[in-house]
Amino acid sequence: MMKKLLMVIFTENSSLAASMLCSLAREHGWEVDTCFAPPQDKDGSQIKLFVEQYKPDLIGFSFKSWERNQALSLAGTIRDTVNTKIIAGGIHSTLMPDEIIQTGLFDAVVVGDGMGVWENILDEYKNLNGEIICGKQHPNKHLYNRHFHSESQIERMKATEMATVLTAIGCPYKCTFCHSGSKKFLPLPFDSFVEYVMELHNKYGVRSFHLLDDLFASDSKNLERFRKTIEQSGKSIVFSSQVTGRASSFNTDVAAELVKLGVETINFGIETAASNLLKFLNKRQTVEDSYRAVQVCREFGLNCVINLM
């Protein structure tokens, strides 16, 4: 009999990390499902009912810092409902693993990238007893472009014709204030990314793809490669109207490719216009870089969003 995994996510019915882990679990021989815990389900009654019916062998929670209170409350509710191992992951668990494990609500906390340790966790889940597990990258990078989607997520994609995707995980820069640069930068294989995009388009009618990358708008050659691949496919596919870039690597070649891809707005993390603070933040970017990037946006008719601390 197949073991069952249930992944619980919060705020919105979408989690790329959870869908990657579910997909890997399926390849490992598990039955999987994803359960969305809406903010309005204050007492966790909806999820409690789902857990009672699904009867999972293992439950995973993925949550951010602003979702912490709801996640802890729900974990307590589930603890009172079933005798099932529960593990925590996500950005808050990665940043504050000791705080989460000390609640006594979770049998393990995974810090960082869970893909490289996930199969071992699935094999040994019955022995979990309050430990903190350091994650690592999986050696097969193509697995990061394989996803499991719940029925409700598939219905949403079909209705909106939209989906969120990644071409890379993390950021190669090491700004002192940002968590993205604290993990090893992982560019995802181009061929499996295109395969995933085409799968969502062909199976669910997804036409618009929101790129969640920290620095998608940084390499004109990659952007050209994306554009030409989509053009050659003959599919009616568009990417985000808004993407994220970096002023120090933004130039006219990048801007030209963004316009051809149909991008309308680029978001820059400028953070500050003070040179001494840029150095303090290890931004590796100058004030001149920022002014030049904004000027290039104006030349190409791109809207420019500036993030400042």
Protein backbone atom coordinates (compact mmCIF):
# COMPACT_ATOMS: atom_id res chain seq x y z
CA MET A 1 0.00 0.00 0.00
CA MET A 2 1.38 3.41 -1.01
CA LYS A 3 2.30 5.81 1.76
CA LYS A 4 0.58 9.21 1.66
CA LEU A 5 2.17 12.64 1.87
CA LEU A 6 0.17 15.82 2.48
CA MET A 7 1.81 19.22 1.93
CA VAL A 8 0.11 22.18 3.64
CA ILE A 9 0.65 25.68 2.20
CA PHE A 10 -0.59 29.11 3.28
CA THR A 11 -1.69 32.57 2.02
CA GLU A 12 -2.18 31.53 -1.62
CA ASN A 13 -2.91 28.22 -3.29
CA SER A 14 0.51 28.02 -4.93
CA SER A 15 3.96 26.94 -3.77
CA LEU A 16 6.74 26.01 -6.16
CA ALA A 17 8.83 24.46 -3.40
CA ALA A 18 5.96 22.30 -2.17
CA SER A 19 5.10 21.20 -5.71
CA MET A 20 8.73 20.18 -6.36
CA LEU A 21 8.85 18.11 -3.16
CA CYS A 22 5.51 16.48 -3.95
CA SER A 23 6.71 15.58 -7.45
CA LEU A 24 9.89 14.02 -6.05
CA ALA A 25 7.84 12.09 -3.49
CA ARG A 26 5.65 10.69 -6.29
CA GLU A 27 8.75 9.52 -8.15
CA HIS A 28 9.81 7.90 -4.86
CA GLY A 29 6.60 5.87 -4.76
CA TRP A 30 4.37 7.99 -2.52
CA GLU A 31 0.81 9.17 -3.07
CA VAL A 32 0.74 12.95 -2.63
CA ASP A 33 -1.63 15.88 -2.32
CA THR A 34 -1.39 19.58 -1.50
CA CYS A 35 -3.78 21.28 0.91
CA PHE A 36 -4.27 25.05 0.97
CA ALA A 37 -4.94 26.57 4.39
CA PRO A 38 -6.85 29.81 3.67
CA PRO A 39 -6.37 32.68 6.14
CA GLN A 40 -10.09 32.70 6.93
CA ASP A 41 -9.93 29.12 8.25
CA LYS A 42 -9.01 30.45 11.70
CA ASP A 43 -9.70 27.27 13.68
CA GLY A 44 -8.28 24.94 11.05
CA SER A 45 -11.56 23.03 10.75
CA GLN A 46 -11.31 22.73 6.95
CA ILE A 47 -7.80 21.26 7.07
CA LYS A 48 -8.71 19.04 10.03
CA LEU A 49 -11.52 17.49 8.00
CA PHE A 50 -9.21 17.02 4.99
CA VAL A 51 -6.58 15.29 7.16
CA GLU A 52 -9.18 12.98 8.71
CA GLN A 53 -10.38 11.93 5.26
CA TYR A 54 -6.99 11.69 3.51
CA LYS A 55 -5.20 9.91 6.40
CA PRO A 56 -1.63 10.90 5.46
CA ASP A 57 1.42 9.05 6.77
CA LEU A 58 3.47 12.27 6.71
CA ILE A 59 2.47 15.94 6.72
CA GLY A 60 4.72 18.78 5.56
CA PHE A 61 4.20 22.46 6.38
CA SER A 62 5.76 25.18 4.22
CA PHE A 63 5.30 28.69 5.60
CA LYS A 64 6.71 32.21 5.64
CA SER A 65 7.18 34.45 8.67
CA TRP A 66 3.81 36.21 8.37
CA GLU A 67 2.15 32.78 8.16
CA ARG A 68 3.85 31.52 11.34
CA ASN A 69 0.96 31.98 13.78
CA GLN A 70 -1.55 30.25 11.52
CA ALA A 71 0.90 27.41 10.82
CA LEU A 72 1.57 26.79 14.52
CA SER A 73 -2.12 26.91 15.38
CA LEU A 74 -2.94 24.46 12.60
CA ALA A 75 -0.11 22.13 13.60
CA GLY A 76 -1.55 22.04 17.11
CA THR A 77 -5.01 21.24 15.75
CA ILE A 78 -3.64 18.40 13.63
CA ARG A 79 -1.66 17.05 16.60
CA ASP A 80 -4.94 16.76 18.50
CA THR A 81 -6.59 15.03 15.52
CA VAL A 82 -4.18 12.36 14.23
CA ASN A 83 -0.97 10.67 15.31
CA THR A 84 1.03 11.59 12.20
CA LYS A 85 4.59 12.82 11.77
CA ILE A 86 4.70 16.53 10.87
CA ILE A 87 7.71 18.37 9.44
CA ALA A 88 8.22 22.09 8.84
CA GLY A 89 10.02 23.87 6.03
CA GLY A 90 9.96 27.14 4.14
CA ILE A 91 11.62 30.49 4.68
CA HIS A 92 10.62 31.00 8.33
CA SER A 93 11.72 27.52 9.37
CA THR A 94 15.01 28.08 7.55
CA LEU A 95 15.68 31.38 9.32
CA MET A 96 14.46 30.33 12.79
CA PRO A 97 14.67 26.51 13.05
CA ASP A 98 15.35 26.47 16.80
CA GLU A 99 12.24 28.51 17.53
CA ILE A 100 10.07 26.19 15.43
CA ILE A 101 11.43 22.91 16.80
CA GLN A 102 11.09 24.19 20.38
CA THR A 103 7.34 24.56 19.93
CA GLY A 104 7.14 20.76 20.12
CA LEU A 105 4.64 20.76 17.27
CA PHE A 106 6.94 19.33 14.61
CA ASP A 107 8.92 16.11 14.42
CA ALA A 108 11.56 17.76 12.23
CA VAL A 109 12.48 21.11 10.71
CA VAL A 110 14.19 21.26 7.30
CA VAL A 111 16.58 24.20 6.84
CA GLY A 112 17.14 25.42 3.28
CA ASP A 113 16.75 23.31 0.14
CA GLY A 114 14.93 20.12 1.06
CA MET A 115 15.26 18.44 -2.33
CA GLY A 116 18.64 16.84 -1.64
CA VAL A 117 17.54 15.28 1.67
CA TRP A 118 13.90 14.59 0.82
CA GLU A 119 14.21 10.97 -0.30
CA ASN A 120 16.07 10.08 2.88
CA ILE A 121 13.38 11.82 4.95
CA LEU A 122 10.67 9.84 3.16
CA ASP A 123 12.52 6.59 3.86
CA GLU A 124 13.18 7.36 7.53
CA TYR A 125 10.17 9.52 8.46
CA LYS A 126 8.99 7.15 11.20
CA ASN A 127 12.24 7.80 13.11
CA LEU A 128 11.91 11.61 13.12
CA ASN A 129 12.03 12.85 16.70
CA GLY A 130 12.49 16.59 16.97
CA GLU A 131 15.60 17.16 14.86
CA ILE A 132 16.77 19.98 12.64
CA ILE A 133 17.77 18.71 9.20
CA CYS A 134 20.17 20.74 7.04
CA GLY A 135 18.97 20.72 3.44
CA LYS A 136 21.12 20.53 0.33
CA GLN A 137 20.74 20.70 -3.43
CA HIS A 138 19.67 17.60 -5.30
CA PRO A 139 22.33 16.41 -7.80
CA ASN A 140 19.67 16.08 -10.52
CA LYS A 141 18.84 19.71 -11.36
CA HIS A 142 16.07 18.68 -13.78
CA LEU A 143 13.94 17.61 -10.78
CA TYR A 144 13.49 21.29 -9.87
CA ASN A 145 11.42 21.72 -13.03
CA ARG A 146 9.06 18.86 -12.19
CA HIS A 147 5.96 19.78 -10.23
CA PHE A 148 2.85 18.25 -8.74
CA HIS A 149 -0.34 20.33 -8.86
CA SER A 150 -3.46 19.66 -6.80
CA GLU A 151 -6.89 19.57 -8.41
CA SER A 152 -7.73 23.05 -7.11
CA GLN A 153 -4.44 24.43 -8.44
CA ILE A 154 -5.12 22.92 -11.86
CA GLU A 155 -8.61 24.43 -11.86
CA ARG A 156 -7.14 27.84 -11.04
CA MET A 157 -4.58 27.60 -13.85
CA LYS A 158 -7.26 26.61 -16.34
CA ALA A 159 -9.53 29.47 -15.23
CA THR A 160 -6.84 32.18 -15.19
CA GLU A 161 -4.57 30.77 -17.92
CA MET A 162 -1.68 31.83 -15.67
CA ALA A 163 1.10 30.07 -13.75
CA THR A 164 4.26 30.96 -11.81
CA VAL A 165 7.61 29.52 -12.89
CA LEU A 166 11.32 29.77 -12.09
CA THR A 167 14.38 29.71 -14.32
CA ALA A 168 16.77 29.91 -11.35
CA ILE A 169 16.67 29.59 -7.57
CA GLY A 170 18.38 32.12 -5.35
CA CYS A 171 20.76 34.91 -6.32
CA PRO A 172 24.51 34.94 -7.10
CA TYR A 173 25.00 38.18 -5.14
CA LYS A 174 25.56 38.31 -1.39
CA CYS A 175 23.80 41.47 -0.19
CA THR A 176 23.92 41.49 3.60
CA PHE A 177 20.19 42.20 4.04
CA CYS A 178 18.80 39.56 1.69
CA HIS A 179 18.23 35.85 2.27
CA SER A 180 18.25 34.95 -1.44
CA GLY A 181 22.02 35.28 -1.65
CA SER A 182 22.66 33.16 1.44
CA LYS A 183 21.93 29.94 -0.43
CA LYS A 184 23.85 28.52 -3.35
CA PHE A 185 22.68 30.01 -6.63
CA LEU A 186 21.01 27.37 -8.83
CA PRO A 187 20.29 28.11 -12.50
CA LEU A 188 17.77 25.52 -13.68
CA PRO A 189 18.33 23.49 -16.87
CA PHE A 190 16.91 25.37 -19.83
CA ASP A 191 15.53 22.32 -21.63
CA SER A 192 13.53 21.03 -18.67
CA PHE A 193 12.23 24.56 -17.97
CA VAL A 194 10.92 24.84 -21.54
CA GLU A 195 9.45 21.34 -21.24
CA TYR A 196 7.58 22.37 -18.09
CA VAL A 197 6.26 25.58 -19.67
CA MET A 198 5.02 23.63 -22.70
CA GLU A 199 3.41 21.02 -20.44
CA LEU A 200 1.40 23.67 -18.58
CA HIS A 201 0.39 25.28 -21.86
CA ASN A 202 -0.64 22.04 -23.58
CA LYS A 203 -2.36 20.34 -20.62
CA TYR A 204 -4.00 23.27 -18.84
CA GLY A 205 -4.12 26.07 -21.40
CA VAL A 206 -1.69 28.34 -19.51
CA ARG A 207 -0.72 31.29 -21.69
CA SER A 208 0.81 33.76 -19.24
CA PHE A 209 3.81 32.83 -17.10
CA HIS A 210 4.89 34.87 -14.10
CA LEU A 211 8.66 34.63 -13.63
CA LEU A 212 9.55 34.57 -9.94
CA ASP A 213 13.32 34.82 -10.47
CA ASP A 214 15.31 37.37 -8.51
CA LEU A 215 17.33 38.38 -11.58
CA PHE A 216 15.54 37.21 -14.72
CA ALA A 217 16.26 40.49 -16.54
CA SER A 218 20.04 40.30 -16.33
CA ASP A 219 21.36 38.27 -19.28
CA SER A 220 20.39 39.32 -22.80
CA LYS A 221 21.61 36.03 -24.34
CA ASN A 222 19.36 33.98 -22.06
CA LEU A 223 16.45 36.30 -22.78
CA GLU A 224 17.02 35.94 -26.52
CA ARG A 225 17.15 32.16 -26.12
CA PHE A 226 13.80 32.17 -24.30
CA ARG A 227 12.22 34.40 -26.92
CA LYS A 228 13.41 32.39 -29.91
CA THR A 229 12.39 29.08 -28.33
CA ILE A 230 8.86 30.35 -27.71
CA GLU A 231 8.66 31.85 -31.22
CA GLN A 232 9.79 28.58 -32.80
CA SER A 233 7.20 26.62 -30.81
CA GLY A 234 4.41 28.61 -32.46
CA LYS A 235 2.57 28.68 -29.12
CA SER A 236 0.61 31.67 -27.84
CA ILE A 237 2.76 32.16 -24.73
CA VAL A 238 3.71 35.38 -22.93
CA PHE A 239 5.83 36.05 -19.87
CA SER A 240 5.31 38.41 -16.95
CA SER A 241 4.43 41.98 -17.73
CA GLN A 242 6.70 42.76 -14.74
CA VAL A 243 10.08 41.16 -14.03
CA THR A 244 12.92 41.72 -11.59
CA GLY A 245 16.37 42.93 -12.62
CA ARG A 246 19.59 44.39 -11.29
CA ALA A 247 20.72 47.90 -12.19
CA SER A 248 24.41 46.96 -12.45
CA SER A 249 23.75 44.34 -15.15
CA PHE A 250 20.92 46.13 -16.96
CA ASN A 251 21.73 47.50 -20.41
CA THR A 252 20.22 48.25 -23.81
CA ASP A 253 20.56 44.63 -25.02
CA VAL A 254 18.57 43.37 -22.02
CA ALA A 255 15.96 46.10 -22.44
CA ALA A 256 15.50 45.29 -26.14
CA GLU A 257 14.87 41.60 -25.40
CA LEU A 258 12.42 42.42 -22.60
CA VAL A 259 10.39 44.58 -24.98
CA LYS A 260 10.34 41.76 -27.55
CA LEU A 261 9.09 39.36 -24.84
CA GLY A 262 6.23 41.72 -24.05
CA VAL A 263 7.54 42.84 -20.66
CA GLU A 264 6.19 46.25 -19.64
CA THR A 265 7.73 46.85 -16.20
CA ILE A 266 11.07 46.07 -14.56
CA ASN A 267 11.59 46.08 -10.82
CA PHE A 268 14.99 47.17 -9.47
CA GLY A 269 16.28 46.75 -5.93
CA ILE A 270 18.10 50.08 -5.70
CA GLU A 271 17.82 50.14 -1.86
CA THR A 272 19.72 53.43 -1.39
CA ALA A 273 21.33 56.31 -3.30
CA ALA A 274 24.14 56.66 -0.75
CA SER A 275 27.45 55.16 -1.87
CA ASN A 276 28.61 54.39 1.66
CA LEU A 277 25.39 52.49 2.41
CA LEU A 278 25.63 50.53 -0.84
CA LYS A 279 29.07 49.41 0.26
CA PHE A 280 27.79 48.58 3.74
CA LEU A 281 25.02 46.45 2.20
CA ASN A 282 27.55 44.69 -0.08
CA LYS A 283 25.26 45.64 -2.95
CA ARG A 284 28.07 45.60 -5.55
CA GLN A 285 26.20 48.34 -7.36
CA THR A 286 26.84 52.06 -7.75
CA VAL A 287 24.55 55.06 -7.73
CA GLU A 288 25.59 55.63 -11.35
CA ASP A 289 24.40 52.12 -12.23
CA SER A 290 20.95 53.00 -10.95
CA TYR A 291 20.66 56.27 -12.86
CA ARG A 292 21.87 54.58 -16.05
CA ALA A 293 19.34 51.71 -15.66
CA VAL A 294 16.46 54.14 -15.25
CA GLN A 295 17.59 56.09 -18.32
CA VAL A 296 17.68 52.86 -20.40
CA CYS A 297 14.13 52.08 -19.28
CA ARG A 298 13.00 55.50 -20.48
CA GLU A 299 14.68 54.98 -23.86
CA PHE A 300 12.83 51.69 -24.40
CA GLY A 301 9.49 52.71 -22.95
CA LEU A 302 9.74 50.36 -19.97
CA ASN A 303 8.04 51.23 -16.71
CA CYS A 304 10.54 51.29 -13.86
CA VAL A 305 9.77 50.31 -10.26
CA ILE A 306 12.37 51.26 -7.68
CA ASN A 307 12.66 49.51 -4.30
CA LEU A 308 14.26 51.61 -1.56
CA MET A 309 14.98 50.73 2.05
